[in-house]
């Protein structure tokens, strides 16, 4: 419903910083990948069953098995957008070194990727494309009118996600795009909301992380 509204309204953009003559640019939608398009629940549950913490090796092995499923409704929405002439960009923090696997995972769940345009923009694909996705959003905005953003974490929308929970909430609530231009599918399993509970301190061991989390409980 909102996609059709956005296509009809030439002034509609999901990026507040998109200025200038964007009205005549071809339309696009930006989507995160994991837990927005691809369901990684089987990987998450395997860690619980095996009493393991996340490791890049296990994650890569799971990707290579290419047993991915889709988040309900995601593929149908993507097909609809593409049928309306909307380019769907996948902005993911999966590393560029594993992009061929990411492309295979997306194809497996029924998504057709463009042969003429790079629509999978991975972390470290360019030197300036770090975990902050706003640089990739700006890159897309140079050539397309961005109608909507979809993600499962605050990091998929704004740069101020690496802060304490209260500051994160305040930054999010300052935005008026939620529900019409920005759509979050809340991720209860992991992502930056969890890291914010222990100040994104990667040097903490499991006990230290657990203590910080317990300290946050009322």
C-alpha atoms as a PDB file:
ATOM      1  CA  UNK A   1       0.000   0.000   0.000  1.00  0.00           C
ATOM      2  CA  UNK A   2       2.738   2.467   0.959  1.00  0.00           C
ATOM      3  CA  UNK A   3       4.853   1.430  -2.021  1.00  0.00           C
ATOM      4  CA  UNK A   4       2.079   2.439  -4.414  1.00  0.00           C
ATOM      5  CA  UNK A   5       1.726   5.767  -2.595  1.00  0.00           C
ATOM      6  CA  UNK A   6       5.470   6.339  -2.830  1.00  0.00           C
ATOM      7  CA  UNK A   7       5.542   5.617  -6.553  1.00  0.00           C
ATOM      8  CA  UNK A   8       2.725   8.090  -7.168  1.00  0.00           C
ATOM      9  CA  UNK A   9       4.302  10.889  -5.108  1.00  0.00           C
ATOM     10  CA  UNK A  10       7.434  12.229  -6.828  1.00  0.00           C
ATOM     11  CA  UNK A  11       8.426  14.139  -3.677  1.00  0.00           C
ATOM     12  CA  UNK A  12       8.534  10.927  -1.636  1.00  0.00           C
ATOM     13  CA  UNK A  13      11.940   9.819  -0.407  1.00  0.00           C
ATOM     14  CA  UNK A  14      12.848   7.648   2.569  1.00  0.00           C
ATOM     15  CA  UNK A  15      16.218   9.356   3.008  1.00  0.00           C
ATOM     16  CA  UNK A  16      15.987  12.758   4.736  1.00  0.00           C
ATOM     17  CA  UNK A  17      19.342  13.761   3.218  1.00  0.00           C
ATOM     18  CA  UNK A  18      18.269  12.997  -0.350  1.00  0.00           C
ATOM     19  CA  UNK A  19      18.063  16.462  -1.895  1.00  0.00           C
ATOM     20  CA  UNK A  20      18.250  18.035  -5.321  1.00  0.00           C
ATOM     21  CA  UNK A  21      16.555  16.682  -8.417  1.00  0.00           C
ATOM     22  CA  UNK A  22      15.781  13.224  -7.038  1.00  0.00           C
ATOM     23  CA  UNK A  23      12.161  13.333  -8.224  1.00  0.00           C
ATOM     24  CA  UNK A  24      13.013  11.983 -11.666  1.00  0.00           C
ATOM     25  CA  UNK A  25      15.392   9.254 -10.535  1.00  0.00           C
ATOM     26  CA  UNK A  26      14.274   5.622 -10.922  1.00  0.00           C
ATOM     27  CA  UNK A  27      12.666   4.219  -7.751  1.00  0.00           C
ATOM     28  CA  UNK A  28      14.400   1.860  -5.342  1.00  0.00           C
ATOM     29  CA  UNK A  29      13.866   0.098  -2.036  1.00  0.00           C
ATOM     30  CA  UNK A  30      16.698  -0.748   0.383  1.00  0.00           C
ATOM     31  CA  UNK A  31      16.504  -3.963   2.382  1.00  0.00           C
ATOM     32  CA  UNK A  32      18.763  -5.574   4.937  1.00  0.00           C
ATOM     33  CA  UNK A  33      19.349  -9.318   4.378  1.00  0.00           C
ATOM     34  CA  UNK A  34      19.495 -11.420   7.549  1.00  0.00           C
ATOM     35  CA  UNK A  35      16.246 -11.500   9.531  1.00  0.00           C
ATOM     36  CA  UNK A  36      14.728  -9.079   7.015  1.00  0.00           C
ATOM     37  CA  UNK A  37      14.796 -11.203   3.866  1.00  0.00           C
ATOM     38  CA  UNK A  38      16.651 -14.367   4.904  1.00  0.00           C
ATOM     39  CA  UNK A  39      15.553 -16.259   8.011  1.00  0.00           C
ATOM     40  CA  UNK A  40      18.633 -17.522   9.893  1.00  0.00           C
ATOM     41  CA  UNK A  41      16.618 -19.144  12.665  1.00  0.00           C
ATOM     42  CA  UNK A  42      18.075 -22.595  12.029  1.00  0.00           C
ATOM     43  CA  UNK A  43      21.578 -21.219  12.573  1.00  0.00           C
ATOM     44  CA  UNK A  44      20.527 -19.407  15.750  1.00  0.00           C
ATOM     45  CA  UNK A  45      18.820 -22.502  17.151  1.00  0.00           C
ATOM     46  CA  UNK A  46      21.846 -24.678  16.351  1.00  0.00           C
ATOM     47  CA  UNK A  47      24.002 -22.447  18.549  1.00  0.00           C
ATOM     48  CA  UNK A  48      21.554 -22.879  21.416  1.00  0.00           C
ATOM     49  CA  UNK A  49      21.383 -26.660  20.978  1.00  0.00           C
ATOM     50  CA  UNK A  50      25.188 -26.939  20.832  1.00  0.00           C
ATOM     51  CA  UNK A  51      25.717 -24.404  23.649  1.00  0.00           C
ATOM     52  CA  UNK A  52      27.931 -22.314  21.382  1.00  0.00           C
ATOM     53  CA  UNK A  53      28.514 -18.601  20.955  1.00  0.00           C
ATOM     54  CA  UNK A  54      28.630 -17.000  17.544  1.00  0.00           C
ATOM     55  CA  UNK A  55      31.774 -17.644  15.508  1.00  0.00           C
ATOM     56  CA  UNK A  56      32.566 -16.546  11.958  1.00  0.00           C
ATOM     57  CA  UNK A  57      33.569 -20.111  11.078  1.00  0.00           C
ATOM     58  CA  UNK A  58      30.227 -21.634  12.073  1.00  0.00           C
ATOM     59  CA  UNK A  59      28.382 -18.778  10.398  1.00  0.00           C
ATOM     60  CA  UNK A  60      30.269 -19.277   7.130  1.00  0.00           C
ATOM     61  CA  UNK A  61      29.632 -23.034   7.236  1.00  0.00           C
ATOM     62  CA  UNK A  62      25.904 -22.411   7.646  1.00  0.00           C
ATOM     63  CA  UNK A  63      25.884 -19.972   4.729  1.00  0.00           C
ATOM     64  CA  UNK A  64      27.737 -22.440   2.511  1.00  0.00           C
ATOM     65  CA  UNK A  65      25.175 -25.162   3.173  1.00  0.00           C
ATOM     66  CA  UNK A  66      22.667 -22.819   1.507  1.00  0.00           C
ATOM     67  CA  UNK A  67      19.723 -24.169   3.487  1.00  0.00           C
ATOM     68  CA  UNK A  68      18.215 -20.744   3.936  1.00  0.00           C
ATOM     69  CA  UNK A  69      14.556 -19.902   4.303  1.00  0.00           C
ATOM     70  CA  UNK A  70      12.775 -16.614   3.765  1.00  0.00           C
ATOM     71  CA  UNK A  71      11.248 -14.213   6.254  1.00  0.00           C
ATOM     72  CA  UNK A  72       7.467 -14.513   5.689  1.00  0.00           C
ATOM     73  CA  UNK A  73       6.242 -12.009   3.123  1.00  0.00           C
ATOM     74  CA  UNK A  74       9.686 -10.770   2.094  1.00  0.00           C
ATOM     75  CA  UNK A  75       9.995 -12.548  -1.237  1.00  0.00           C
ATOM     76  CA  UNK A  76       6.416 -11.701  -2.181  1.00  0.00           C
ATOM     77  CA  UNK A  77       7.032  -8.028  -1.465  1.00  0.00           C
ATOM     78  CA  UNK A  78      10.280  -8.033  -3.454  1.00  0.00           C
ATOM     79  CA  UNK A  79       8.558  -9.645  -6.434  1.00  0.00           C
ATOM     80  CA  UNK A  80       5.780  -7.062  -6.260  1.00  0.00           C
ATOM     81  CA  UNK A  81       8.242  -4.165  -6.069  1.00  0.00           C
ATOM     82  CA  UNK A  82      10.225  -5.497  -9.022  1.00  0.00           C
ATOM     83  CA  UNK A  83       7.015  -5.932 -11.022  1.00  0.00           C
ATOM     84  CA  UNK A  84       6.341  -2.220 -10.476  1.00  0.00           C
ATOM     85  CA  UNK A  85       9.767  -1.273 -11.838  1.00  0.00           C
ATOM     86  CA  UNK A  86      11.345  -0.732  -8.405  1.00  0.00           C
ATOM     87  CA  UNK A  87      14.983  -1.768  -7.984  1.00  0.00           C
ATOM     88  CA  UNK A  88      15.549  -3.644  -4.729  1.00  0.00           C
ATOM     89  CA  UNK A  89      18.977  -3.111  -3.164  1.00  0.00           C
ATOM     90  CA  UNK A  90      20.243  -5.498  -0.493  1.00  0.00           C
ATOM     91  CA  UNK A  91      22.500  -3.633   1.944  1.00  0.00           C
ATOM     92  CA  UNK A  92      24.099  -6.215   4.185  1.00  0.00           C
ATOM     93  CA  UNK A  93      26.834  -6.311   6.789  1.00  0.00           C
ATOM     94  CA  UNK A  94      27.857  -9.717   5.601  1.00  0.00           C
ATOM     95  CA  UNK A  95      31.454  -9.232   4.490  1.00  0.00           C
ATOM     96  CA  UNK A  96      32.276  -8.664   0.818  1.00  0.00           C
ATOM     97  CA  UNK A  97      34.488 -11.768   0.832  1.00  0.00           C
ATOM     98  CA  UNK A  98      31.350 -13.874   1.263  1.00  0.00           C
ATOM     99  CA  UNK A  99      29.156 -11.973  -1.209  1.00  0.00           C
ATOM    100  CA  UNK A 100      28.993 -14.894  -3.705  1.00  0.00           C
ATOM    101  CA  UNK A 101      27.479 -16.985  -0.895  1.00  0.00           C
ATOM    102  CA  UNK A 102      25.040 -14.194  -0.049  1.00  0.00           C
ATOM    103  CA  UNK A 103      23.950 -14.009  -3.673  1.00  0.00           C
ATOM    104  CA  UNK A 104      23.450 -17.773  -3.747  1.00  0.00           C
ATOM    105  CA  UNK A 105      21.398 -17.629  -0.543  1.00  0.00           C
ATOM    106  CA  UNK A 106      19.149 -14.914  -1.998  1.00  0.00           C
ATOM    107  CA  UNK A 107      18.708 -16.820  -5.252  1.00  0.00           C
ATOM    108  CA  UNK A 108      17.804 -19.988  -3.351  1.00  0.00           C
ATOM    109  CA  UNK A 109      14.793 -18.350  -1.706  1.00  0.00           C
ATOM    110  CA  UNK A 110      13.508 -17.148  -5.085  1.00  0.00           C
ATOM    111  CA  UNK A 111      14.944 -13.663  -5.550  1.00  0.00           C
ATOM    112  CA  UNK A 112      16.102 -12.658  -9.020  1.00  0.00           C
ATOM    113  CA  UNK A 113      19.169 -10.404  -8.903  1.00  0.00           C
ATOM    114  CA  UNK A 114      20.005  -7.950 -11.660  1.00  0.00           C
ATOM    115  CA  UNK A 115      22.622  -8.872 -14.253  1.00  0.00           C
ATOM    116  CA  UNK A 116      23.235  -5.219 -15.176  1.00  0.00           C
ATOM    117  CA  UNK A 117      23.419  -3.543 -11.767  1.00  0.00           C
ATOM    118  CA  UNK A 118      25.100  -4.485  -8.498  1.00  0.00           C
ATOM    119  CA  UNK A 119      22.193  -4.616  -6.073  1.00  0.00           C
ATOM    120  CA  UNK A 120      24.005  -6.495  -3.277  1.00  0.00           C
ATOM    121  CA  UNK A 121      26.125  -3.976  -1.356  1.00  0.00           C
ATOM    122  CA  UNK A 122      28.273  -5.702   1.258  1.00  0.00           C
ATOM    123  CA  UNK A 123      30.385  -4.434   4.136  1.00  0.00           C
ATOM    124  CA  UNK A 124      33.959  -3.643   2.977  1.00  0.00           C
ATOM    125  CA  UNK A 125      33.006  -3.817  -0.708  1.00  0.00           C
ATOM    126  CA  UNK A 126      34.470  -0.312  -0.854  1.00  0.00           C
ATOM    127  CA  UNK A 127      36.904   1.159   1.690  1.00  0.00           C
ATOM    128  CA  UNK A 128      34.279   3.571   3.039  1.00  0.00           C
ATOM    129  CA  UNK A 129      31.547   0.930   3.331  1.00  0.00           C
ATOM    130  CA  UNK A 130      31.939  -0.107   6.955  1.00  0.00           C
ATOM    131  CA  UNK A 131      29.299  -1.395   9.370  1.00  0.00           C
ATOM    132  CA  UNK A 132      27.534   1.995   9.267  1.00  0.00           C
ATOM    133  CA  UNK A 133      25.107   1.581   6.373  1.00  0.00           C
ATOM    134  CA  UNK A 134      24.468   5.276   5.781  1.00  0.00           C
ATOM    135  CA  UNK A 135      27.356   5.547   3.290  1.00  0.00           C
ATOM    136  CA  UNK A 136      25.767   2.836   1.151  1.00  0.00           C
ATOM    137  CA  UNK A 137      22.365   4.486   1.435  1.00  0.00           C
ATOM    138  CA  UNK A 138      23.926   7.723   0.173  1.00  0.00           C
ATOM    139  CA  UNK A 139      25.573   5.845  -2.688  1.00  0.00           C
ATOM    140  CA  UNK A 140      22.219   4.436  -3.812  1.00  0.00           C
ATOM    141  CA  UNK A 141      20.607   7.880  -3.474  1.00  0.00           C
ATOM    142  CA  UNK A 142      22.950   9.239  -6.152  1.00  0.00           C
ATOM    143  CA  UNK A 143      21.205   7.162  -8.822  1.00  0.00           C
ATOM    144  CA  UNK A 144      17.804   6.220  -7.372  1.00  0.00           C
ATOM    145  CA  UNK A 145      14.884   7.756  -5.496  1.00  0.00           C
ATOM    146  CA  UNK A 146      14.770   5.670  -2.331  1.00  0.00           C
ATOM    147  CA  UNK A 147      11.171   4.909  -1.413  1.00  0.00           C
ATOM    148  CA  UNK A 148      11.582   2.695   1.652  1.00  0.00           C
ATOM    149  CA  UNK A 149      14.065   1.150   4.070  1.00  0.00           C
ATOM    150  CA  UNK A 150      13.538  -2.295   5.615  1.00  0.00           C
ATOM    151  CA  UNK A 151      15.600  -3.826   8.412  1.00  0.00           C
ATOM    152  CA  UNK A 152      15.582  -5.726  11.679  1.00  0.00           C
ATOM    153  CA  UNK A 153      17.868  -3.443  13.664  1.00  0.00           C
ATOM    154  CA  UNK A 154      18.339   0.261  14.313  1.00  0.00           C
ATOM    155  CA  UNK A 155      21.685   0.019  12.487  1.00  0.00           C
ATOM    156  CA  UNK A 156      19.756  -0.517   9.234  1.00  0.00           C
ATOM    157  CA  UNK A 157      18.350   2.998   9.489  1.00  0.00           C
ATOM    158  CA  UNK A 158      20.555   5.469  11.368  1.00  0.00           C
ATOM    159  CA  UNK A 159      24.220   5.932  12.263  1.00  0.00           C
ATOM    160  CA  UNK A 160      23.562   6.583  15.964  1.00  0.00           C
ATOM    161  CA  UNK A 161      22.936   2.947  16.848  1.00  0.00           C
ATOM    162  CA  UNK A 162      26.219   2.405  18.732  1.00  0.00           C
ATOM    163  CA  UNK A 163      25.173   4.107  21.944  1.00  0.00           C
ATOM    164  CA  UNK A 164      23.503   3.329  25.257  1.00  0.00           C
ATOM    165  CA  UNK A 165      19.887   2.084  25.197  1.00  0.00           C
ATOM    166  CA  UNK A 166      18.351   5.413  26.259  1.00  0.00           C
ATOM    167  CA  UNK A 167      20.311   7.359  23.642  1.00  0.00           C
ATOM    168  CA  UNK A 168      19.391   4.808  20.964  1.00  0.00           C
ATOM    169  CA  UNK A 169      15.730   5.154  21.838  1.00  0.00           C
ATOM    170  CA  UNK A 170      15.892   8.941  21.759  1.00  0.00           C
ATOM    171  CA  UNK A 171      17.622   8.932  18.358  1.00  0.00           C
ATOM    172  CA  UNK A 172      15.013   6.556  16.938  1.00  0.00           C
ATOM    173  CA  UNK A 173      12.059   8.528  18.267  1.00  0.00           C
ATOM    174  CA  UNK A 174      13.301  11.713  16.606  1.00  0.00           C
ATOM    175  CA  UNK A 175      12.489  10.188  13.226  1.00  0.00           C
ATOM    176  CA  UNK A 176       9.057  10.510  11.627  1.00  0.00           C
ATOM    177  CA  UNK A 177       9.586   7.933   8.862  1.00  0.00           C
ATOM    178  CA  UNK A 178       8.608   4.850  10.896  1.00  0.00           C
ATOM    179  CA  UNK A 179       5.650   2.928   9.544  1.00  0.00           C
ATOM    180  CA  UNK A 180       5.391   4.699   6.192  1.00  0.00           C
ATOM    181  CA  UNK A 181       8.960   4.879   4.822  1.00  0.00           C
ATOM    182  CA  UNK A 182      10.952   2.896   7.395  1.00  0.00           C
ATOM    183  CA  UNK A 183       9.885  -0.586   8.451  1.00  0.00           C
ATOM    184  CA  UNK A 184      11.601  -2.556  11.214  1.00  0.00           C
ATOM    185  CA  UNK A 185      11.062  -6.272  11.780  1.00  0.00           C
ATOM    186  CA  UNK A 186      12.266  -6.485  15.409  1.00  0.00           C
ATOM    187  CA  UNK A 187      15.013  -9.049  15.935  1.00  0.00           C
ATOM    188  CA  UNK A 188      14.759 -10.633  19.409  1.00  0.00           C
ATOM    189  CA  UNK A 189      17.825 -12.862  18.996  1.00  0.00           C
ATOM    190  CA  UNK A 190      20.818 -10.568  18.427  1.00  0.00           C
ATOM    191  CA  UNK A 191      22.065  -7.284  16.855  1.00  0.00           C
ATOM    192  CA  UNK A 192      22.993  -3.888  18.203  1.00  0.00           C
ATOM    193  CA  UNK A 193      20.280  -3.715  20.893  1.00  0.00           C
ATOM    194  CA  UNK A 194      22.134  -6.530  22.650  1.00  0.00           C
ATOM    195  CA  UNK A 195      25.573  -4.952  22.264  1.00  0.00           C
ATOM    196  CA  UNK A 196      24.264  -1.699  23.706  1.00  0.00           C
ATOM    197  CA  UNK A 197      23.575  -3.519  26.987  1.00  0.00           C
ATOM    198  CA  UNK A 198      27.304  -4.072  27.529  1.00  0.00           C
ATOM    199  CA  UNK A 199      28.661  -0.953  25.785  1.00  0.00           C
ATOM    200  CA  UNK A 200      29.728  -2.930  22.696  1.00  0.00           C
ATOM    201  CA  UNK A 201      32.748  -4.149  24.664  1.00  0.00           C
ATOM    202  CA  UNK A 202      34.073  -7.053  22.577  1.00  0.00           C
ATOM    203  CA  UNK A 203      36.732  -7.877  25.200  1.00  0.00           C
ATOM    204  CA  UNK A 204      34.212  -9.088  27.779  1.00  0.00           C
ATOM    205  CA  UNK A 205      33.956 -12.841  28.293  1.00  0.00           C
ATOM    206  CA  UNK A 206      30.631 -14.674  28.578  1.00  0.00           C
ATOM    207  CA  UNK A 207      30.361 -14.064  32.320  1.00  0.00           C
ATOM    208  CA  UNK A 208      31.099 -10.363  31.869  1.00  0.00           C
ATOM    209  CA  UNK A 209      28.468 -10.034  29.160  1.00  0.00           C
ATOM    210  CA  UNK A 210      25.900 -11.840  31.290  1.00  0.00           C
ATOM    211  CA  UNK A 211      26.616  -9.617  34.297  1.00  0.00           C
ATOM    212  CA  UNK A 212      26.179  -6.452  32.216  1.00  0.00           C
ATOM    213  CA  UNK A 213      22.886  -7.778  30.892  1.00  0.00           C
ATOM    214  CA  UNK A 214      21.653  -8.666  34.372  1.00  0.00           C
ATOM    215  CA  UNK A 215      22.586  -5.162  35.565  1.00  0.00           C
ATOM    216  CA  UNK A 216      20.221  -3.742  32.960  1.00  0.00           C
ATOM    217  CA  UNK A 217      17.206  -5.632  34.272  1.00  0.00           C
ATOM    218  CA  UNK A 218      14.742  -3.713  36.463  1.00  0.00           C
END
